[in-house]
Amino acid sequence: SILPERIDGFVYCPGSINLKPFKMLNPKAF
C-alpha cells in the first residue's frame, strides 16, 4: 500500500554466501 500503483522496475538484492563442504551443510542450511 505504500508503493505507487505502477511499478516499472524491480530488483531483488538479498542473498547469501554460504560456502562450506557439502558434508558440513545440513538440510536446514539448504
Full PDB file with SEQRES, HELIX, SHEET, SSBOND, CRYST1, ORIGX, SCALE, CONECT and MASTER records, all heavy atoms in Angstrom:
SEQRES   1 A   30  SER ILE LEU PRO GLU ARG ILE ASP GLY PHE VAL TYR CYS          
SEQRES   2 A   30  PRO GLY SER ILE ASN LEU LYS PRO PHE LYS MET LEU ASN          
SEQRES   3 A   30  PRO LYS ALA PHE                                              
HELIX    1 AA1 PHE A   22  MET A   24  5                                   3    
CRYST1    1.000    1.000    1.000  90.00  90.00  90.00 P 1           1          
ORIGX1      1.000000  0.000000  0.000000        0.00000                         
ORIGX2      0.000000  1.000000  0.000000        0.00000                         
ORIGX3      0.000000  0.000000  1.000000        0.00000                         
SCALE1      1.000000  0.000000  0.000000        0.00000                         
SCALE2      0.000000  1.000000  0.000000        0.00000                         
SCALE3      0.000000  0.000000  1.000000        0.00000                         
ATOM      1  N   SER A   1       0.820  -1.217   0.000  1.00  0.00           N  
ATOM      2  CA  SER A   1       0.000   0.000   0.000  1.00  0.00           C  
ATOM      3  C   SER A   1       0.852   1.264   0.000  1.00  0.00           C  
ATOM      4  O   SER A   1       0.377   2.339  -0.396  1.00  0.00           O  
ATOM      5  CB  SER A   1      -0.943   0.008   1.210  1.00  0.00           C  
ATOM      6  OG  SER A   1      -0.205   0.156   2.422  1.00  0.00           O  
ATOM      7  N   ILE A   2       2.091   1.157   0.443  1.00  0.00           N  
ATOM      8  CA  ILE A   2       2.999   2.310   0.454  1.00  0.00           C  
ATOM      9  C   ILE A   2       3.487   2.632  -0.954  1.00  0.00           C  
ATOM     10  O   ILE A   2       3.863   3.767  -1.251  1.00  0.00           O  
ATOM     11  CB  ILE A   2       4.202   2.018   1.382  1.00  0.00           C  
ATOM     12  CG1 ILE A   2       3.723   1.768   2.815  1.00  0.00           C  
ATOM     13  CG2 ILE A   2       5.224   3.146   1.358  1.00  0.00           C  
ATOM     14  CD1 ILE A   2       4.811   1.307   3.753  1.00  0.00           C  
ATOM     15  N   LEU A   3       3.440   1.651  -1.828  1.00  0.00           N  
ATOM     16  CA  LEU A   3       4.009   1.790  -3.166  1.00  0.00           C  
ATOM     17  C   LEU A   3       3.010   2.404  -4.138  1.00  0.00           C  
ATOM     18  O   LEU A   3       1.796   2.319  -3.942  1.00  0.00           O  
ATOM     19  CB  LEU A   3       4.435   0.414  -3.677  1.00  0.00           C  
ATOM     20  CG  LEU A   3       5.541  -0.278  -2.883  1.00  0.00           C  
ATOM     21  CD1 LEU A   3       5.653  -1.745  -3.294  1.00  0.00           C  
ATOM     22  CD2 LEU A   3       6.874   0.428  -3.091  1.00  0.00           C  
ATOM     23  N   PRO A   4       3.520   3.026  -5.199  1.00  0.00           N  
ATOM     24  CA  PRO A   4       2.618   3.556  -6.228  1.00  0.00           C  
ATOM     25  C   PRO A   4       1.882   2.425  -6.941  1.00  0.00           C  
ATOM     26  O   PRO A   4       2.264   1.258  -6.854  1.00  0.00           O  
ATOM     27  CB  PRO A   4       3.554   4.305  -7.174  1.00  0.00           C  
ATOM     28  CG  PRO A   4       4.891   3.657  -6.982  1.00  0.00           C  
ATOM     29  CD  PRO A   4       4.946   3.257  -5.540  1.00  0.00           C  
ATOM     30  N   GLU A   5       0.833   2.785  -7.671  1.00  0.00           N  
ATOM     31  CA  GLU A   5       0.022   1.774  -8.347  1.00  0.00           C  
ATOM     32  C   GLU A   5       0.741   1.133  -9.529  1.00  0.00           C  
ATOM     33  O   GLU A   5       0.335   0.071 -10.005  1.00  0.00           O  
ATOM     34  CB  GLU A   5      -1.293   2.396  -8.816  1.00  0.00           C  
ATOM     35  CG  GLU A   5      -2.271   2.654  -7.680  1.00  0.00           C  
ATOM     36  CD  GLU A   5      -2.532   1.392  -6.866  1.00  0.00           C  
ATOM     37  OE1 GLU A   5      -2.969   0.379  -7.465  1.00  0.00           O  
ATOM     38  OE2 GLU A   5      -2.269   1.406  -5.647  1.00  0.00           O  
ATOM     39  N   ARG A   6       1.813   1.783  -9.994  1.00  0.00           N  
ATOM     40  CA  ARG A   6       2.568   1.252 -11.136  1.00  0.00           C  
ATOM     41  C   ARG A   6       4.023   1.050 -10.735  1.00  0.00           C  
ATOM     42  O   ARG A   6       4.669   1.968 -10.276  1.00  0.00           O  
ATOM     43  CB  ARG A   6       2.504   2.233 -12.310  1.00  0.00           C  
ATOM     44  CG  ARG A   6       3.098   1.706 -13.611  1.00  0.00           C  
ATOM     45  CD  ARG A   6       3.253   2.801 -14.657  1.00  0.00           C  
ATOM     46  NE  ARG A   6       4.446   3.610 -14.436  1.00  0.00           N  
ATOM     47  CZ  ARG A   6       4.427   4.907 -14.112  1.00  0.00           C  
ATOM     48  NH1 ARG A   6       3.299   5.561 -13.976  1.00  0.00           N  
ATOM     49  NH2 ARG A   6       5.577   5.561 -13.927  1.00  0.00           N  
ATOM     50  N   ILE A   7       4.512  -0.168 -10.883  1.00  0.00           N  
ATOM     51  CA  ILE A   7       5.928  -0.457 -10.666  1.00  0.00           C  
ATOM     52  C   ILE A   7       6.548  -0.819 -12.015  1.00  0.00           C  
ATOM     53  O   ILE A   7       6.148  -1.787 -12.656  1.00  0.00           O  
ATOM     54  CB  ILE A   7       6.134  -1.615  -9.662  1.00  0.00           C  
ATOM     55  CG1 ILE A   7       5.597  -1.242  -8.283  1.00  0.00           C  
ATOM     56  CG2 ILE A   7       7.623  -1.994  -9.572  1.00  0.00           C  
ATOM     57  CD1 ILE A   7       6.346  -0.134  -7.601  1.00  0.00           C  
ATOM     58  N   ASP A   8       7.533  -0.032 -12.443  1.00  0.00           N  
ATOM     59  CA  ASP A   8       8.168  -0.232 -13.748  1.00  0.00           C  
ATOM     60  C   ASP A   8       9.458  -1.041 -13.666  1.00  0.00           C  
ATOM     61  O   ASP A   8       9.877  -1.631 -14.660  1.00  0.00           O  
ATOM     62  CB  ASP A   8       8.494   1.126 -14.384  1.00  0.00           C  
ATOM     63  CG  ASP A   8       7.262   2.013 -14.493  1.00  0.00           C  
ATOM     64  OD1 ASP A   8       6.329   1.635 -15.219  1.00  0.00           O  
ATOM     65  OD2 ASP A   8       7.237   3.073 -13.829  1.00  0.00           O  
ATOM     66  N   GLY A   9      10.079  -1.024 -12.501  1.00  0.00           N  
ATOM     67  CA  GLY A   9      11.335  -1.749 -12.336  1.00  0.00           C  
ATOM     68  C   GLY A   9      11.413  -2.386 -10.966  1.00  0.00           C  
ATOM     69  O   GLY A   9      10.936  -1.816  -9.974  1.00  0.00           O  
ATOM     70  N   PHE A  10      11.980  -3.578 -10.911  1.00  0.00           N  
ATOM     71  CA  PHE A  10      12.074  -4.319  -9.649  1.00  0.00           C  
ATOM     72  C   PHE A  10      13.418  -5.020  -9.604  1.00  0.00           C  
ATOM     73  O   PHE A  10      13.814  -5.693 -10.567  1.00  0.00           O  
ATOM     74  CB  PHE A  10      10.946  -5.348  -9.558  1.00  0.00           C  
ATOM     75  CG  PHE A  10      11.082  -6.292  -8.393  1.00  0.00           C  
ATOM     76  CD1 PHE A  10      10.633  -5.930  -7.132  1.00  0.00           C  
ATOM     77  CD2 PHE A  10      11.671  -7.541  -8.556  1.00  0.00           C  
ATOM     78  CE1 PHE A  10      10.770  -6.789  -6.055  1.00  0.00           C  
ATOM     79  CE2 PHE A  10      11.808  -8.414  -7.491  1.00  0.00           C  
ATOM     80  CZ  PHE A  10      11.358  -8.036  -6.229  1.00  0.00           C  
ATOM     81  N   VAL A  11      14.125  -4.871  -8.484  1.00  0.00           N  
ATOM     82  CA  VAL A  11      15.412  -5.538  -8.300  1.00  0.00           C  
ATOM     83  C   VAL A  11      15.413  -6.222  -6.931  1.00  0.00           C  
ATOM     84  O   VAL A  11      15.155  -5.567  -5.908  1.00  0.00           O  
ATOM     85  CB  VAL A  11      16.597  -4.547  -8.380  1.00  0.00           C  
ATOM     86  CG1 VAL A  11      17.930  -5.307  -8.311  1.00  0.00           C  
ATOM     87  CG2 VAL A  11      16.522  -3.697  -9.640  1.00  0.00           C  
ATOM     88  N   TYR A  12      15.714  -7.509  -6.905  1.00  0.00           N  
ATOM     89  CA  TYR A  12      15.782  -8.256  -5.651  1.00  0.00           C  
ATOM     90  C   TYR A  12      17.244  -8.530  -5.318  1.00  0.00           C  
ATOM     91  O   TYR A  12      17.920  -9.301  -6.012  1.00  0.00           O  
ATOM     92  CB  TYR A  12      15.018  -9.576  -5.770  1.00  0.00           C  
ATOM     93  CG  TYR A  12      14.961 -10.360  -4.479  1.00  0.00           C  
ATOM     94  CD1 TYR A  12      14.033 -10.043  -3.491  1.00  0.00           C  
ATOM     95  CD2 TYR A  12      15.842 -11.416  -4.237  1.00  0.00           C  
ATOM     96  CE1 TYR A  12      13.980 -10.759  -2.299  1.00  0.00           C  
ATOM     97  CE2 TYR A  12      15.796 -12.145  -3.056  1.00  0.00           C  
ATOM     98  CZ  TYR A  12      14.862 -11.813  -2.092  1.00  0.00           C  
ATOM     99  OH  TYR A  12      14.815 -12.521  -0.904  1.00  0.00           O  
ATOM    100  N   CYS A  13      17.734  -7.886  -4.255  1.00  0.00           N  
ATOM    101  CA  CYS A  13      19.160  -7.959  -3.907  1.00  0.00           C  
ATOM    102  C   CYS A  13      19.519  -8.922  -2.784  1.00  0.00           C  
ATOM    103  O   CYS A  13      20.683  -9.345  -2.714  1.00  0.00           O  
ATOM    104  CB  CYS A  13      19.666  -6.560  -3.519  1.00  0.00           C  
ATOM    105  SG  CYS A  13      19.522  -5.334  -4.828  1.00  0.00           S  
ATOM    106  N   PRO A  14      18.622  -9.271  -1.840  1.00  0.00           N  
ATOM    107  CA  PRO A  14      19.050 -10.139  -0.734  1.00  0.00           C  
ATOM    108  C   PRO A  14      19.640 -11.458  -1.216  1.00  0.00           C  
ATOM    109  O   PRO A  14      19.201 -12.015  -2.232  1.00  0.00           O  
ATOM    110  CB  PRO A  14      17.749 -10.379   0.049  1.00  0.00           C  
ATOM    111  CG  PRO A  14      16.905  -9.191  -0.256  1.00  0.00           C  
ATOM    112  CD  PRO A  14      17.228  -8.848  -1.690  1.00  0.00           C  
ATOM    113  N   GLY A  15      20.617 -11.929  -0.485  1.00  0.00           N  
ATOM    114  CA  GLY A  15      21.247 -13.193  -0.845  1.00  0.00           C  
ATOM    115  C   GLY A  15      22.152 -13.667   0.267  1.00  0.00           C  
ATOM    116  O   GLY A  15      22.205 -13.089   1.356  1.00  0.00           O  
ATOM    117  N   SER A  16      22.884 -14.730  -0.001  1.00  0.00           N  
ATOM    118  CA  SER A  16      23.782 -15.312   0.996  1.00  0.00           C  
ATOM    119  C   SER A  16      25.012 -15.859   0.293  1.00  0.00           C  
ATOM    120  O   SER A  16      24.991 -16.138  -0.902  1.00  0.00           O  
ATOM    121  CB  SER A  16      23.072 -16.431   1.772  1.00  0.00           C  
ATOM    122  OG  SER A  16      22.596 -17.428   0.881  1.00  0.00           O  
ATOM    123  N   ILE A  17      26.100 -15.971   1.058  1.00  0.00           N  
ATOM    124  CA  ILE A  17      27.309 -16.642   0.573  1.00  0.00           C  
ATOM    125  C   ILE A  17      27.684 -17.678   1.630  1.00  0.00           C  
ATOM    126  O   ILE A  17      28.433 -17.395   2.565  1.00  0.00           O  
ATOM    127  CB  ILE A  17      28.473 -15.653   0.331  1.00  0.00           C  
ATOM    128  CG1 ILE A  17      28.068 -14.546  -0.645  1.00  0.00           C  
ATOM    129  CG2 ILE A  17      29.692 -16.402  -0.224  1.00  0.00           C  
ATOM    130  CD1 ILE A  17      29.182 -13.532  -0.919  1.00  0.00           C  
ATOM    131  N   ASN A  18      27.120 -18.847   1.494  1.00  0.00           N  
ATOM    132  CA  ASN A  18      27.293 -19.905   2.489  1.00  0.00           C  
ATOM    133  C   ASN A  18      28.171 -20.984   1.885  1.00  0.00           C  
ATOM    134  O   ASN A  18      27.689 -21.959   1.311  1.00  0.00           O  
ATOM    135  CB  ASN A  18      25.914 -20.455   2.880  1.00  0.00           C  
ATOM    136  CG  ASN A  18      25.983 -21.401   4.056  1.00  0.00           C  
ATOM    137  OD1 ASN A  18      26.996 -21.493   4.739  1.00  0.00           O  
ATOM    138  ND2 ASN A  18      24.894 -22.115   4.289  1.00  0.00           N  
ATOM    139  N   LEU A  19      29.487 -20.789   2.006  1.00  0.00           N  
ATOM    140  CA  LEU A  19      30.445 -21.670   1.338  1.00  0.00           C  
ATOM    141  C   LEU A  19      31.056 -22.637   2.343  1.00  0.00           C  
ATOM    142  O   LEU A  19      31.888 -22.251   3.168  1.00  0.00           O  
ATOM    143  CB  LEU A  19      31.544 -20.840   0.662  1.00  0.00           C  
ATOM    144  CG  LEU A  19      31.093 -19.721  -0.277  1.00  0.00           C  
ATOM    145  CD1 LEU A  19      32.288 -19.076  -0.957  1.00  0.00           C  
ATOM    146  CD2 LEU A  19      30.088 -20.232  -1.297  1.00  0.00           C  
ATOM    147  N   LYS A  20      30.644 -23.890   2.238  1.00  0.00           N  
ATOM    148  CA  LYS A  20      31.153 -24.935   3.128  1.00  0.00           C  
ATOM    149  C   LYS A  20      31.161 -26.258   2.366  1.00  0.00           C  
ATOM    150  O   LYS A  20      30.408 -26.437   1.412  1.00  0.00           O  
ATOM    151  CB  LYS A  20      30.254 -25.089   4.361  1.00  0.00           C  
ATOM    152  CG  LYS A  20      30.243 -23.900   5.304  1.00  0.00           C  
ATOM    153  CD  LYS A  20      29.301 -24.156   6.466  1.00  0.00           C  
ATOM    154  CE  LYS A  20      29.261 -22.968   7.415  1.00  0.00           C  
ATOM    155  NZ  LYS A  20      28.281 -23.186   8.519  1.00  0.00           N  
ATOM    156  N   PRO A  21      32.005 -27.212   2.798  1.00  0.00           N  
ATOM    157  CA  PRO A  21      31.925 -28.548   2.200  1.00  0.00           C  
ATOM    158  C   PRO A  21      30.522 -29.131   2.372  1.00  0.00           C  
ATOM    159  O   PRO A  21      29.852 -28.888   3.389  1.00  0.00           O  
ATOM    160  CB  PRO A  21      32.954 -29.350   2.998  1.00  0.00           C  
ATOM    161  CG  PRO A  21      33.885 -28.324   3.562  1.00  0.00           C  
ATOM    162  CD  PRO A  21      33.058 -27.110   3.824  1.00  0.00           C  
ATOM    163  N   PHE A  22      30.080 -29.902   1.406  1.00  0.00           N  
ATOM    164  CA  PHE A  22      28.733 -30.474   1.459  1.00  0.00           C  
ATOM    165  C   PHE A  22      28.497 -31.241   2.753  1.00  0.00           C  
ATOM    166  O   PHE A  22      27.406 -31.170   3.345  1.00  0.00           O  
ATOM    167  CB  PHE A  22      28.517 -31.385   0.251  1.00  0.00           C  
ATOM    168  CG  PHE A  22      27.200 -32.111   0.274  1.00  0.00           C  
ATOM    169  CD1 PHE A  22      26.009 -31.431   0.103  1.00  0.00           C  
ATOM    170  CD2 PHE A  22      27.157 -33.484   0.472  1.00  0.00           C  
ATOM    171  CE1 PHE A  22      24.791 -32.093   0.132  1.00  0.00           C  
ATOM    172  CE2 PHE A  22      25.943 -34.160   0.505  1.00  0.00           C  
ATOM    173  CZ  PHE A  22      24.762 -33.453   0.334  1.00  0.00           C  
ATOM    174  N   LYS A  23      29.514 -31.978   3.226  1.00  0.00           N  
ATOM    175  CA  LYS A  23      29.333 -32.793   4.436  1.00  0.00           C  
ATOM    176  C   LYS A  23      29.075 -31.940   5.677  1.00  0.00           C  
ATOM    177  O   LYS A  23      28.576 -32.450   6.681  1.00  0.00           O  
ATOM    178  CB  LYS A  23      30.561 -33.688   4.660  1.00  0.00           C  
ATOM    179  CG  LYS A  23      31.844 -32.925   4.961  1.00  0.00           C  
ATOM    180  CD  LYS A  23      33.023 -33.879   5.105  1.00  0.00           C  
ATOM    181  CE  LYS A  23      34.318 -33.122   5.408  1.00  0.00           C  
ATOM    182  NZ  LYS A  23      35.474 -34.045   5.504  1.00  0.00           N  
ATOM    183  N   MET A  24      29.403 -30.637   5.602  1.00  0.00           N  
ATOM    184  CA  MET A  24      29.183 -29.733   6.740  1.00  0.00           C  
ATOM    185  C   MET A  24      27.894 -28.919   6.589  1.00  0.00           C  
ATOM    186  O   MET A  24      27.591 -28.090   7.449  1.00  0.00           O  
ATOM    187  CB  MET A  24      30.376 -28.792   6.893  1.00  0.00           C  
ATOM    188  CG  MET A  24      31.665 -29.495   7.256  1.00  0.00           C  
ATOM    189  SD  MET A  24      33.081 -28.362   7.344  1.00  0.00           S  
ATOM    190  CE  MET A  24      32.572 -27.262   8.672  1.00  0.00           C  
ATOM    191  N   LEU A  25      27.153 -29.148   5.531  1.00  0.00           N  
ATOM    192  CA  LEU A  25      25.898 -28.434   5.299  1.00  0.00           C  
ATOM    193  C   LEU A  25      24.733 -29.384   5.546  1.00  0.00           C  
ATOM    194  O   LEU A  25      24.514 -30.314   4.777  1.00  0.00           O  
ATOM    195  CB  LEU A  25      25.846 -27.920   3.858  1.00  0.00           C  
ATOM    196  CG  LEU A  25      26.767 -26.758   3.512  1.00  0.00           C  
ATOM    197  CD1 LEU A  25      26.860 -26.601   1.999  1.00  0.00           C  
ATOM    198  CD2 LEU A  25      26.278 -25.456   4.143  1.00  0.00           C  
ATOM    199  N   ASN A  26      23.981 -29.127   6.606  1.00  0.00           N  
ATOM    200  CA  ASN A  26      22.821 -29.976   6.852  1.00  0.00           C  
ATOM    201  C   ASN A  26      21.634 -29.471   6.018  1.00  0.00           C  
ATOM    202  O   ASN A  26      21.677 -28.380   5.449  1.00  0.00           O  
ATOM    203  CB  ASN A  26      22.487 -30.023   8.352  1.00  0.00           C  
ATOM    204  CG  ASN A  26      22.181 -28.644   8.928  1.00  0.00           C  
ATOM    205  OD1 ASN A  26      21.666 -27.775   8.218  1.00  0.00           O  
ATOM    206  ND2 ASN A  26      22.495 -28.436  10.198  1.00  0.00           N  
ATOM    207  N   PRO A  27      20.578 -30.254   5.909  1.00  0.00           N  
ATOM    208  CA  PRO A  27      19.428 -29.833   5.099  1.00  0.00           C  
ATOM    209  C   PRO A  27      18.857 -28.479   5.502  1.00  0.00           C  
ATOM    210  O   PRO A  27      18.356 -27.739   4.651  1.00  0.00           O  
ATOM    211  CB  PRO A  27      18.422 -30.962   5.321  1.00  0.00           C  
ATOM    212  CG  PRO A  27      19.265 -32.171   5.571  1.00  0.00           C  
ATOM    213  CD  PRO A  27      20.434 -31.660   6.365  1.00  0.00           C  
ATOM    214  N   LYS A  28      18.955 -28.134   6.788  1.00  0.00           N  
ATOM    215  CA  LYS A  28      18.441 -26.834   7.237  1.00  0.00           C  
ATOM    216  C   LYS A  28      19.200 -25.693   6.575  1.00  0.00           C  
ATOM    217  O   LYS A  28      18.614 -24.648   6.230  1.00  0.00           O  
ATOM    218  CB  LYS A  28      18.569 -26.734   8.765  1.00  0.00           C  
ATOM    219  CG  LYS A  28      18.106 -25.408   9.366  1.00  0.00           C  
ATOM    220  CD  LYS A  28      16.608 -25.194   9.185  1.00  0.00           C  
ATOM    221  CE  LYS A  28      16.075 -24.101  10.102  1.00  0.00           C  
ATOM    222  NZ  LYS A  28      16.755 -22.812   9.998  1.00  0.00           N  
ATOM    223  N   ALA A  29      20.500 -25.845   6.360  1.00  0.00           N  
ATOM    224  CA  ALA A  29      21.281 -24.810   5.693  1.00  0.00           C  
ATOM    225  C   ALA A  29      20.794 -24.601   4.263  1.00  0.00           C  
ATOM    226  O   ALA A  29      20.690 -23.463   3.781  1.00  0.00           O  
ATOM    227  CB  ALA A  29      22.763 -25.187   5.703  1.00  0.00           C  
ATOM    228  N   PHE A  30      20.477 -25.701   3.578  1.00  0.00           N  
ATOM    229  CA  PHE A  30      19.934 -25.593   2.225  1.00  0.00           C  
ATOM    230  C   PHE A  30      18.584 -24.879   2.240  1.00  0.00           C  
ATOM    231  O   PHE A  30      18.303 -24.037   1.379  1.00  0.00           O  
ATOM    232  CB  PHE A  30      19.791 -26.983   1.598  1.00  0.00           C  
ATOM    233  CG  PHE A  30      21.071 -27.537   1.040  1.00  0.00           C  
ATOM    234  CD1 PHE A  30      22.042 -28.087   1.866  1.00  0.00           C  
ATOM    235  CD2 PHE A  30      21.308 -27.503  -0.329  1.00  0.00           C  
ATOM    236  CE1 PHE A  30      23.221 -28.599   1.355  1.00  0.00           C  
ATOM    237  CE2 PHE A  30      22.483 -28.021  -0.863  1.00  0.00           C  
ATOM    238  CZ  PHE A  30      23.451 -28.553  -0.017  1.00  0.00           C  
TER     239      PHE A  30                                                      
MASTER        0    0    0    1    0    0    0    6  238    1    0    3          
END                                                                             
